[in-house]
PDB file of N, CA and C in Angstrom:
ATOM      1  N   MET A   1      40.466 100.966  19.091  1.00  0.00           N
ATOM      2  CA  MET A   1      41.655 100.617  19.605  1.00  0.00           C
ATOM      3  C   MET A   1      42.773 100.535  18.504  1.00  0.00           C
ATOM      4  N   ASN A   2      43.914 100.955  18.982  1.00  0.00           N
ATOM      5  CA  ASN A   2      44.986 101.070  17.916  1.00  0.00           C
ATOM      6  C   ASN A   2      45.635  99.603  17.790  1.00  0.00           C
ATOM      7  N   ARG A   3      46.463  99.491  16.731  1.00  0.00           N
ATOM      8  CA  ARG A   3      46.972  98.177  16.432  1.00  0.00           C
ATOM      9  C   ARG A   3      48.381  98.371  15.903  1.00  0.00           C
ATOM     10  N   ILE A   4      49.276  97.405  16.310  1.00  0.00           N
ATOM     11  CA  ILE A   4      50.667  97.373  15.792  1.00  0.00           C
ATOM     12  C   ILE A   4      50.736  96.059  14.956  1.00  0.00           C
ATOM     13  N   GLU A   5      51.327  96.205  13.825  1.00  0.00           N
ATOM     14  CA  GLU A   5      51.663  95.025  13.018  1.00  0.00           C
ATOM     15  C   GLU A   5      53.198  94.872  12.941  1.00  0.00           C
ATOM     16  N   ILE A   6      53.640  93.661  13.190  1.00  0.00           N
ATOM     17  CA  ILE A   6      55.060  93.313  13.039  1.00  0.00           C
ATOM     18  C   ILE A   6      55.288  92.129  12.150  1.00  0.00           C
ATOM     19  N   GLU A   7      56.061  92.455  11.090  1.00  0.00           N
ATOM     20  CA  GLU A   7      56.450  91.402  10.041  1.00  0.00           C
ATOM     21  C   GLU A   7      57.518  90.489  10.683  1.00  0.00           C
ATOM     22  N   TYR A   8      57.355  89.229  10.508  1.00  0.00           N
ATOM     23  CA  TYR A   8      58.306  88.259  10.831  1.00  0.00           C
ATOM     24  C   TYR A   8      58.543  87.182   9.939  1.00  0.00           C
ATOM     25  N   PRO A   9      59.680  86.513   9.737  1.00  0.00           N
ATOM     26  CA  PRO A   9      59.750  85.451   8.760  1.00  0.00           C
ATOM     27  C   PRO A   9      58.973  84.256   9.262  1.00  0.00           C
ATOM     28  N   GLU A  10      58.418  83.563   8.309  1.00  0.00           N
ATOM     29  CA  GLU A  10      57.559  82.337   8.693  1.00  0.00           C
ATOM     30  C   GLU A  10      58.481  81.316   9.345  1.00  0.00           C
ATOM     31  N   THR A  11      59.846  81.416   9.124  1.00  0.00           N
ATOM     32  CA  THR A  11      60.726  80.420   9.739  1.00  0.00           C
ATOM     33  C   THR A  11      60.769  80.526  11.220  1.00  0.00           C
ATOM     34  N   ILE A  12      60.560  81.635  11.777  1.00  0.00           N
ATOM     35  CA  ILE A  12      60.797  81.876  13.263  1.00  0.00           C
ATOM     36  C   ILE A  12      59.916  80.877  14.097  1.00  0.00           C
ATOM     37  N   PRO A  13      58.612  80.861  13.933  1.00  0.00           N
ATOM     38  CA  PRO A  13      57.902  79.855  14.734  1.00  0.00           C
ATOM     39  C   PRO A  13      58.343  78.415  14.433  1.00  0.00           C
ATOM     40  N   ALA A  14      58.663  78.069  13.222  1.00  0.00           N
ATOM     41  CA  ALA A  14      59.005  76.721  12.843  1.00  0.00           C
ATOM     42  C   ALA A  14      60.293  76.345  13.599  1.00  0.00           C
ATOM     43  N   VAL A  15      61.265  77.313  13.513  1.00  0.00           N
ATOM     44  CA  VAL A  15      62.583  76.925  14.348  1.00  0.00           C
ATOM     45  C   VAL A  15      62.359  76.810  15.752  1.00  0.00           C
ATOM     46  N   LEU A  16      61.294  77.525  16.314  1.00  0.00           N
ATOM     47  CA  LEU A  16      61.003  77.410  17.787  1.00  0.00           C
ATOM     48  C   LEU A  16      60.140  76.249  18.059  1.00  0.00           C
ATOM     49  N   ASN A  17      59.695  75.599  17.042  1.00  0.00           N
ATOM     50  CA  ASN A  17      58.788  74.442  17.132  1.00  0.00           C
ATOM     51  C   ASN A  17      57.513  74.844  17.825  1.00  0.00           C
ATOM     52  N   ILE A  18      56.915  76.081  17.518  1.00  0.00           N
ATOM     53  CA  ILE A  18      55.601  76.430  17.977  1.00  0.00           C
ATOM     54  C   ILE A  18      54.807  76.993  16.858  1.00  0.00           C
ATOM     55  N   SER A  19      53.535  77.100  17.056  1.00  0.00           N
ATOM     56  CA  SER A  19      52.704  77.557  15.988  1.00  0.00           C
ATOM     57  C   SER A  19      52.794  79.084  15.871  1.00  0.00           C
ATOM     58  N   PRO A  20      52.481  79.662  14.743  1.00  0.00           N
ATOM     59  CA  PRO A  20      52.439  81.112  14.606  1.00  0.00           C
ATOM     60  C   PRO A  20      51.563  81.837  15.664  1.00  0.00           C
ATOM     61  N   GLU A  21      50.461  81.234  16.001  1.00  0.00           N
ATOM     62  CA  GLU A  21      49.614  81.772  17.101  1.00  0.00           C
ATOM     63  C   GLU A  21      50.310  81.840  18.424  1.00  0.00           C
ATOM     64  N   VAL A  22      51.019  80.785  18.832  1.00  0.00           N
ATOM     65  CA  VAL A  22      51.714  80.826  20.058  1.00  0.00           C
ATOM     66  C   VAL A  22      52.860  81.876  20.016  1.00  0.00           C
ATOM     67  N   PHE A  23      53.567  81.848  18.824  1.00  0.00           N
ATOM     68  CA  PHE A  23      54.676  82.755  18.787  1.00  0.00           C
ATOM     69  C   PHE A  23      54.201  84.338  18.982  1.00  0.00           C
ATOM     70  N   GLU A  24      52.983  84.619  18.296  1.00  0.00           N
ATOM     71  CA  GLU A  24      52.447  85.940  18.330  1.00  0.00           C
ATOM     72  C   GLU A  24      52.063  86.217  19.807  1.00  0.00           C
ATOM     73  N   ARG A  25      51.461  85.288  20.428  1.00  0.00           N
ATOM     74  CA  ARG A  25      50.902  85.516  21.812  1.00  0.00           C
ATOM     75  C   ARG A  25      52.230  85.691  22.739  1.00  0.00           C
ATOM     76  N   GLU A  26      53.254  84.935  22.592  1.00  0.00           N
ATOM     77  CA  GLU A  26      54.481  85.166  23.396  1.00  0.00           C
ATOM     78  C   GLU A  26      55.092  86.506  23.100  1.00  0.00           C
ATOM     79  N   ALA A  27      55.123  86.901  21.820  1.00  0.00           N
ATOM     80  CA  ALA A  27      55.654  88.177  21.495  1.00  0.00           C
ATOM     81  C   ALA A  27      54.860  89.416  22.133  1.00  0.00           C
ATOM     82  N   LYS A  28      53.611  89.218  22.097  1.00  0.00           N
ATOM     83  CA  LYS A  28      52.749  90.240  22.662  1.00  0.00           C
ATOM     84  C   LYS A  28      53.024  90.364  24.194  1.00  0.00           C
ATOM     85  N   LEU A  29      53.093  89.170  24.901  1.00  0.00           N
ATOM     86  CA  LEU A  29      53.319  89.158  26.312  1.00  0.00           C
ATOM     87  C   LEU A  29      54.729  89.728  26.525  1.00  0.00           C
ATOM     88  N   ALA A  30      55.658  89.437  25.774  1.00  0.00           N
ATOM     89  CA  ALA A  30      57.026  89.923  25.925  1.00  0.00           C
ATOM     90  C   ALA A  30      57.120  91.405  25.845  1.00  0.00           C
ATOM     91  N   LEU A  31      56.422  92.024  24.925  1.00  0.00           N
ATOM     92  CA  LEU A  31      56.250  93.475  24.828  1.00  0.00           C
ATOM     93  C   LEU A  31      55.715  94.078  26.124  1.00  0.00           C
ATOM     94  N   ALA A  32      54.614  93.382  26.599  1.00  0.00           N
ATOM     95  CA  ALA A  32      53.855  93.949  27.779  1.00  0.00           C
ATOM     96  C   ALA A  32      54.790  93.838  29.001  1.00  0.00           C
ATOM     97  N   VAL A  33      55.514  92.697  29.115  1.00  0.00           N
ATOM     98  CA  VAL A  33      56.455  92.565  30.318  1.00  0.00           C
ATOM     99  C   VAL A  33      57.583  93.581  30.204  1.00  0.00           C
ATOM    100  N   LYS A  34      58.099  93.776  29.074  1.00  0.00           N
ATOM    101  CA  LYS A  34      59.251  94.729  28.910  1.00  0.00           C
ATOM    102  C   LYS A  34      58.778  96.203  29.357  1.00  0.00           C
ATOM    103  N   LEU A  35      57.594  96.581  28.850  1.00  0.00           N
ATOM    104  CA  LEU A  35      57.067  97.960  29.129  1.00  0.00           C
ATOM    105  C   LEU A  35      56.747  98.077  30.623  1.00  0.00           C
ATOM    106  N   TYR A  36      56.344  96.935  31.280  1.00  0.00           N
ATOM    107  CA  TYR A  36      56.057  96.942  32.695  1.00  0.00           C
ATOM    108  C   TYR A  36      57.398  97.030  33.426  1.00  0.00           C
ATOM    109  N   GLU A  37      58.441  96.298  32.977  1.00  0.00           N
ATOM    110  CA  GLU A  37      59.682  96.234  33.682  1.00  0.00           C
ATOM    111  C   GLU A  37      60.385  97.721  33.515  1.00  0.00           C
ATOM    112  N   MET A  38      60.170  98.348  32.465  1.00  0.00           N
ATOM    113  CA  MET A  38      60.712  99.762  32.276  1.00  0.00           C
ATOM    114  C   MET A  38      59.879 100.796  33.018  1.00  0.00           C
ATOM    115  N   GLY A  39      58.757 100.357  33.642  1.00  0.00           N
ATOM    116  CA  GLY A  39      58.019 101.336  34.450  1.00  0.00           C
ATOM    117  C   GLY A  39      57.129 102.194  33.483  1.00  0.00           C
ATOM    118  N   ARG A  40      56.949 101.778  32.243  1.00  0.00           N
ATOM    119  CA  ARG A  40      56.120 102.526  31.338  1.00  0.00           C
ATOM    120  C   ARG A  40      54.697 102.246  31.513  1.00  0.00           C
ATOM    121  N   LEU A  41      54.318 101.012  31.978  1.00  0.00           N
ATOM    122  CA  LEU A  41      52.933 100.553  32.106  1.00  0.00           C
ATOM    123  C   LEU A  41      52.855 100.019  33.591  1.00  0.00           C
ATOM    124  N   SER A  42      51.689 100.121  34.133  1.00  0.00           N
ATOM    125  CA  SER A  42      51.397  99.367  35.438  1.00  0.00           C
ATOM    126  C   SER A  42      51.133  97.920  35.170  1.00  0.00           C
ATOM    127  N   SER A  43      51.147  97.192  36.168  1.00  0.00           N
ATOM    128  CA  SER A  43      50.879  95.684  35.843  1.00  0.00           C
ATOM    129  C   SER A  43      49.483  95.550  35.385  1.00  0.00           C
ATOM    130  N   GLY A  44      48.518  96.260  35.723  1.00  0.00           N
ATOM    131  CA  GLY A  44      47.261  96.119  35.236  1.00  0.00           C
ATOM    132  C   GLY A  44      47.168  96.556  33.652  1.00  0.00           C
ATOM    133  N   GLN A  45      47.867  97.667  33.359  1.00  0.00           N
ATOM    134  CA  GLN A  45      47.940  98.075  31.911  1.00  0.00           C
ATOM    135  C   GLN A  45      48.641  97.051  31.114  1.00  0.00           C
ATOM    136  N   ALA A  46      49.691  96.460  31.597  1.00  0.00           N
ATOM    137  CA  ALA A  46      50.459  95.484  30.933  1.00  0.00           C
ATOM    138  C   ALA A  46      49.703  94.206  30.721  1.00  0.00           C
ATOM    139  N   ALA A  47      48.942  93.843  31.705  1.00  0.00           N
ATOM    140  CA  ALA A  47      48.011  92.597  31.633  1.00  0.00           C
ATOM    141  C   ALA A  47      46.992  92.869  30.504  1.00  0.00           C
ATOM    142  N   ASN A  48      46.440  94.006  30.516  1.00  0.00           N
ATOM    143  CA  ASN A  48      45.471  94.323  29.554  1.00  0.00           C
ATOM    144  C   ASN A  48      46.030  94.350  28.164  1.00  0.00           C
ATOM    145  N   LEU A  49      47.249  94.885  27.892  1.00  0.00           N
ATOM    146  CA  LEU A  49      47.895  94.807  26.622  1.00  0.00           C
ATOM    147  C   LEU A  49      48.116  93.379  26.158  1.00  0.00           C
ATOM    148  N   ALA A  50      48.521  92.566  27.216  1.00  0.00           N
ATOM    149  CA  ALA A  50      48.764  91.103  26.886  1.00  0.00           C
ATOM    150  C   ALA A  50      47.569  90.322  26.687  1.00  0.00           C
ATOM    151  N   GLY A  51      46.436  90.859  27.155  1.00  0.00           N
ATOM    152  CA  GLY A  51      45.187  90.235  27.012  1.00  0.00           C
ATOM    153  C   GLY A  51      44.892  89.112  27.969  1.00  0.00           C
ATOM    154  N   ILE A  52      45.481  89.222  29.191  1.00  0.00           N
ATOM    155  CA  ILE A  52      45.409  88.177  30.276  1.00  0.00           C
ATOM    156  C   ILE A  52      45.095  88.815  31.584  1.00  0.00           C
ATOM    157  N   PRO A  53      44.584  88.108  32.533  1.00  0.00           N
ATOM    158  CA  PRO A  53      44.347  88.646  33.860  1.00  0.00           C
ATOM    159  C   PRO A  53      45.707  89.097  34.505  1.00  0.00           C
ATOM    160  N   ARG A  54      45.509  90.106  35.448  1.00  0.00           N
ATOM    161  CA  ARG A  54      46.731  90.766  36.062  1.00  0.00           C
ATOM    162  C   ARG A  54      47.553  89.707  36.887  1.00  0.00           C
ATOM    163  N   VAL A  55      46.833  88.830  37.452  1.00  0.00           N
ATOM    164  CA  VAL A  55      47.591  87.865  38.369  1.00  0.00           C
ATOM    165  C   VAL A  55      48.427  86.916  37.363  1.00  0.00           C
ATOM    166  N   VAL A  56      47.715  86.509  36.292  1.00  0.00           N
ATOM    167  CA  VAL A  56      48.481  85.637  35.355  1.00  0.00           C
ATOM    168  C   VAL A  56      49.659  86.347  34.844  1.00  0.00           C
ATOM    169  N   PHE A  57      49.548  87.700  34.530  1.00  0.00           N
ATOM    170  CA  PHE A  57      50.655  88.472  33.998  1.00  0.00           C
ATOM    171  C   PHE A  57      51.703  88.558  34.941  1.00  0.00           C
ATOM    172  N   LEU A  58      51.386  88.839  36.215  1.00  0.00           N
ATOM    173  CA  LEU A  58      52.430  88.980  37.191  1.00  0.00           C
ATOM    174  C   LEU A  58      53.205  87.538  37.344  1.00  0.00           C
ATOM    175  N   LEU A  59      52.516  86.437  37.245  1.00  0.00           N
ATOM    176  CA  LEU A  59      53.115  85.264  37.357  1.00  0.00           C
ATOM    177  C   LEU A  59      53.948  84.846  36.162  1.00  0.00           C
ATOM    178  N   SER A  60      53.608  85.476  35.071  1.00  0.00           N
ATOM    179  CA  SER A  60      54.262  85.280  33.732  1.00  0.00           C
ATOM    180  C   SER A  60      55.621  86.047  33.644  1.00  0.00           C
ATOM    181  N   CYS A  61      55.683  87.070  34.355  1.00  0.00           N
ATOM    182  CA  CYS A  61      56.885  87.881  34.308  1.00  0.00           C
ATOM    183  C   CYS A  61      58.301  87.119  34.537  1.00  0.00           C
ATOM    184  N   ARG A  62      58.133  86.118  35.346  1.00  0.00           N
ATOM    185  CA  ARG A  62      59.311  85.275  35.733  1.00  0.00           C
ATOM    186  C   ARG A  62      59.852  84.601  34.465  1.00  0.00           C
ATOM    187  N   GLN A  63      59.151  84.164  33.649  1.00  0.00           N
ATOM    188  CA  GLN A  63      59.580  83.386  32.407  1.00  0.00           C
ATOM    189  C   GLN A  63      60.362  84.312  31.552  1.00  0.00           C
ATOM    190  N   PHE A  64      60.254  85.620  31.685  1.00  0.00           N
ATOM    191  CA  PHE A  64      60.963  86.619  31.003  1.00  0.00           C
ATOM    192  C   PHE A  64      62.120  87.224  31.701  1.00  0.00           C
ATOM    193  N   GLY A  65      62.268  86.774  32.960  1.00  0.00           N
ATOM    194  CA  GLY A  65      63.457  87.306  33.780  1.00  0.00           C
ATOM    195  C   GLY A  65      63.098  88.671  34.385  1.00  0.00           C
ATOM    196  N   ALA A  66      61.860  89.082  34.377  1.00  0.00           N
ATOM    197  CA  ALA A  66      61.514  90.367  34.988  1.00  0.00           C
ATOM    198  C   ALA A  66      60.898  90.180  36.354  1.00  0.00           C
ATOM    199  N   ASN A  67      61.341  91.028  37.252  1.00  0.00           N
ATOM    200  CA  ASN A  67      60.830  91.097  38.610  1.00  0.00           C
ATOM    201  C   ASN A  67      59.424  91.753  38.625  1.00  0.00           C
ATOM    202  N   THR A  68      58.584  91.207  39.583  1.00  0.00           N
ATOM    203  CA  THR A  68      57.235  91.769  39.624  1.00  0.00           C
ATOM    204  C   THR A  68      57.301  92.877  40.716  1.00  0.00           C
ATOM    205  N   VAL A  69      58.232  92.926  41.606  1.00  0.00           N
ATOM    206  CA  VAL A  69      58.387  94.099  42.523  1.00  0.00           C
ATOM    207  C   VAL A  69      59.901  94.415  42.572  1.00  0.00           C
ATOM    208  N   ASP A  70      60.177  95.592  42.861  1.00  0.00           N
ATOM    209  CA  ASP A  70      61.611  96.130  42.833  1.00  0.00           C
ATOM    210  C   ASP A  70      61.711  96.984  44.105  1.00  0.00           C
ATOM    211  N   TRP A  71      61.920  96.329  45.330  1.00  0.00           N
ATOM    212  CA  TRP A  71      61.963  96.994  46.459  1.00  0.00           C
ATOM    213  C   TRP A  71      63.455  97.229  46.838  1.00  0.00           C
ATOM    214  N   ASP A  72      63.619  98.416  47.460  1.00  0.00           N
ATOM    215  CA  ASP A  72      65.019  98.664  48.042  1.00  0.00           C
ATOM    216  C   ASP A  72      65.045  98.100  49.480  1.00  0.00           C
ATOM    217  N   GLN A  73      66.229  98.164  50.096  1.00  0.00           N
ATOM    218  CA  GLN A  73      66.402  97.574  51.406  1.00  0.00           C
ATOM    219  C   GLN A  73      65.519  98.247  52.520  1.00  0.00           C
ATOM    220  N   ALA A  74      65.278  99.560  52.371  1.00  0.00           N
ATOM    221  CA  ALA A  74      64.392 100.166  53.280  1.00  0.00           C
ATOM    222  C   ALA A  74      62.987  99.705  53.165  1.00  0.00           C
ATOM    223  N   GLU A  75      62.482  99.509  51.868  1.00  0.00           N
ATOM    224  CA  GLU A  75      61.132  99.019  51.761  1.00  0.00           C
ATOM    225  C   GLU A  75      60.901  97.617  52.318  1.00  0.00           C
ATOM    226  N   ILE A  76      61.997  96.867  52.117  1.00  0.00           N
ATOM    227  CA  ILE A  76      61.842  95.361  52.542  1.00  0.00           C
ATOM    228  C   ILE A  76      61.784  95.446  54.138  1.00  0.00           C
ATOM    229  N   GLU A  77      62.644  96.231  54.721  1.00  0.00           N
ATOM    230  CA  GLU A  77      62.717  96.276  56.221  1.00  0.00           C
ATOM    231  C   GLU A  77      61.337  96.867  56.823  1.00  0.00           C
ATOM    232  N   ALA A  78      60.826  97.769  56.121  1.00  0.00           N
ATOM    233  CA  ALA A  78      59.615  98.384  56.544  1.00  0.00           C
ATOM    234  C   ALA A  78      58.397  97.317  56.381  1.00  0.00           C
ATOM    235  N   GLU A  79      58.453  96.549  55.268  1.00  0.00           N
ATOM    236  CA  GLU A  79      57.409  95.530  55.086  1.00  0.00           C
ATOM    237  C   GLU A  79      57.422  94.485  56.148  1.00  0.00           C
ATOM    238  N   PHE A  80      58.603  94.082  56.567  1.00  0.00           N
ATOM    239  CA  PHE A  80      58.753  92.970  57.516  1.00  0.00           C
ATOM    240  C   PHE A  80      59.155  93.327  58.931  1.00  0.00           C
ATOM    241  N   SER A  81      58.971  94.616  59.268  1.00  0.00           N
ATOM    242  CA  SER A  81      59.314  95.171  60.559  1.00  0.00           C
ATOM    243  C   SER A  81      58.447  94.542  61.670  1.00  0.00           C
ATOM    244  N   ASP A  82      57.304  94.101  61.417  1.00  0.00           N
ATOM    245  CA  ASP A  82      56.405  93.622  62.422  1.00  0.00           C
ATOM    246  C   ASP A  82      56.421  92.031  62.498  1.00  0.00           C
ATOM    247  N   ALA A  83      57.249  91.478  61.555  1.00  0.00           N
ATOM    248  CA  ALA A  83      57.317  89.992  61.580  1.00  0.00           C
ATOM    249  C   ALA A  83      58.069  89.559  62.777  1.00  0.00           C
ATOM    250  N   THR A  84      57.537  88.390  63.284  1.00  0.00           N
ATOM    251  CA  THR A  84      58.258  87.735  64.483  1.00  0.00           C
ATOM    252  C   THR A  84      58.997  86.532  64.026  1.00  0.00           C
ATOM    253  N   ILE A  85      60.098  86.296  64.644  1.00  0.00           N
ATOM    254  CA  ILE A  85      60.876  85.155  64.206  1.00  0.00           C
ATOM    255  C   ILE A  85      60.713  84.011  65.155  1.00  0.00           C
TER     256      ILE A  85
END
């Protein structure tokens, strides 16, 4: 498996009042979410990159402001065409 190393100042986790481990886990998740949002990775691939289950990944997208689905109006209408009011 390949590896990416990112140098960051020791002060960043301290300023955020989190441990370096939490900061690194959040940074890894942020990368996965952004690549998913850009359409570069599927949700499963992004979850694998983040090291978490797919459902947890999809639920985590919201904290980064990323949509888990991007439907246009026609897709929404087709999805709910059989719904009764």
